Amino acid sequence: MAGARRQVLARVAQGLWLRMGRTRPLDQDPLDTQLNRCLSTLDITLLGIGHMVGAGMYVLTGTVARELAGGATTLSFLLAGLTSFLAALCYAEFGTRVPRAGSAYLYTYVSVGEFWAFVIGWNIILEHMIGAASVARAWSGYLDSILGGAVSNNTIAWTGEMHEKLLGRYPDLLAFSICIAFSLLLALGVKTSVYINNALTVLNLGVIVLVIVVGFSYADPENWSASKGGFMPYGFSGVLAGAATCFYAFVGFDSISSSSEEARDPTYSIPVATILSMTLVAVGYVLVSAALTLMVPYYKISPDAALPEAFGALNLSWAKYAVAVGALCGMTTSLLGSLFTLPRCLYAMAQDGLLFSFLGNINAKTQIPIANLIVSGLSSAVIALLFDLETLVEFMSIGTLLAYTIVSAAVIILRYRPATSEELRALGLGGMDISPESSPGGTPVTDPGSISSEVYEVVMAGRLKARHTWLRWLVGGRAPGSAVVTSTALYTITAAILCAHISVAPSPLLIPALIIFMIICLIVIWAHQQSPVRPPFRAPFVPLLPAISILANVELMVHLNALTWARFAVWMALGLVVYLGYGMRHSQAGCAIGTGADSTGGLLASASSAHWGSTGPDHQSIVSREGE
């Protein structure tokens, strides 16, 4: 009886494991959509720039310079920008492969598996709800600063103060109203909101150029000297802590990939807009932070309105008011970007059955998810009403860094994935027996020259290259590509252990051992044959570039405080309830492919394989695996 009960429990656990690891089949025509494909490359580029250049430029710069990094805020922005740029290249590759709404959520679903896709989607929801709320709060605070505290004083006189630790000093009614107003604006349609975004972003860029030119004209190198605290008054740890916070400034780039389903030519627009917007924004942040800390000593910077106060201290009233206008324009576009992206993620998850179905309904006239927009706008407004800006910024960073980490890992996994049946048909190999032991004609493949290079690449995708068969003793097994999945997972886990260990109690013996193990994982991945599929854009230097991105993201996550991790755990626990209670049972992937993982395999399912598959006489053919 006990044995039968254990068998039943084992089968239930195995079924649950496979459900969590199943992946989403790619659409037959990824360009077919209910949304309105009307956005040009310029529209998408300005959307990304507008989303990234807002509260980060006009509020966060002053806070980081004053409290975390001083003049080295330039290095903090540079590190955060480079980390984001590595992740952005991975996003750009997925954006050309899968031109659909959903961004990192969808990319994870088609390559890693359903559970991790839900985790990422759930965190993207958090990221953009908090992103919209934090920008609305900053917008309100900035206007309040310009008006000499009139907004806050009148609100406190009417509502009183809130004295809870996690909440703001007072309920920000103006921030609440701003979120609602811009949600209504987005409900008019994507093209109308993009026109407004473009105009405000161009105006904001003009103000930023003005800040840089005037700032460097009044720069005093003495403000970086030792007599005034030096360039790096808080040390390198302050630079890293600043980079973890500055990361908030770059999170908006995923609005570019979220617009894939509304781009006219996503395979061209997404990578071009991603690279161009990230480069311009990173250069802008570095130059503005340098100008600010050279104009005013870091300890005199106002964290609430750094740039206007700096220009005011130099008696440049005209520049002060120009900056105020640019700040309000920048924060408006940043808010629009968050409120634009959030409904697209909710829509993608609802379409896949992982969230409630009404969130996937599209308005026939405006071609946007209206009910979805109402929910996301109201949620962001309530958060903006109650919570403090600093709390919101830190809470947002952790979910974003996790998303970037998993997307970077997913690029490696997808690049070494065995060819799917659709890809085989595209190469004219559909229905052929192309097992690794024989060519389509049945001749043993002892020499790569016995078949065409294209067919050989398809045959060997996810398997050890011929010159690296000496690794067969380590990774030999059945499933092609699973060695890469396992190595990627081990690399990520080891990177997390290394960063945490260095942060807490570095050991001269353990650190080299962990680094050597990570290098071995990369060697194992590199020894395998990549997929022959060539999307319009491919991230360069795979697996090295995504691996560096993973390490950088994990390092920044380690520097977030413990309370942020505790709040994140609560949010994830709530998400797990939603997934187990609703998403797993209503998943469209489950309807399409049953309870098992599909042909692409998932991280959970693949990593649980008894063997790391690469080469060997027991391989099944790719075609037969596709039919399983």
Foldseek 3Di string as FASTA:
>chain_A
DVVVVVVVVVVVVVLVLQLQWAAFDADPDLLDDLFAQDDELLLLLLLLLLQLQACLQFFLLLVLCQPFWNLCLLVLLVLLLLLVLLLLQLQLVVCLVRLAAAGLLNLQRHFFGRNVSLLLLLLLLLLLLLLLLLLLLLLLLLVCVVVVNPQVVVQCVVFNFDDDPFWDRAFRLSSLVLLVVLLVVPVQADVSLSVLSNVLSVLLVVLLVVLLVVLVVQFACCLQDVVLCHSGNNPVLSSLLSNLLSNSSNLLLSLSSNCSNRHPNSLPSSVVSSVVSSVVNSVSSSSNSNSQSRQDRSNPADSSGRSLVSCVVVVNNVSSVSVSSSNSSSSSSSSSSSLSRSLSNQLVLLVQFLDPVLSVDADNPRSGSSVSSVVSSNSSSNCSRIGDSVSSSLLSSLSSLSSSLSSLLSLLLQQQFQDAQVRCVVVVNHPFFLAQQAHSVRHGPPDCVVDDPLSVLNNQRQAFDPVVCVCCVPFADEHRSLLLLQLSVLLLVLLLVLLLCVVPPDDPPVNVVSVVSNVVSQVSSVRGRTHPDDRSRGNPDPPVSSSVSSNSSSNSSSSRDPVSVVVVVVSVVVSVCSRVVTRSVRGNSCVVPNSRHASSIHSSRSNPDPGRHHDDDPYGTSNVSNVD
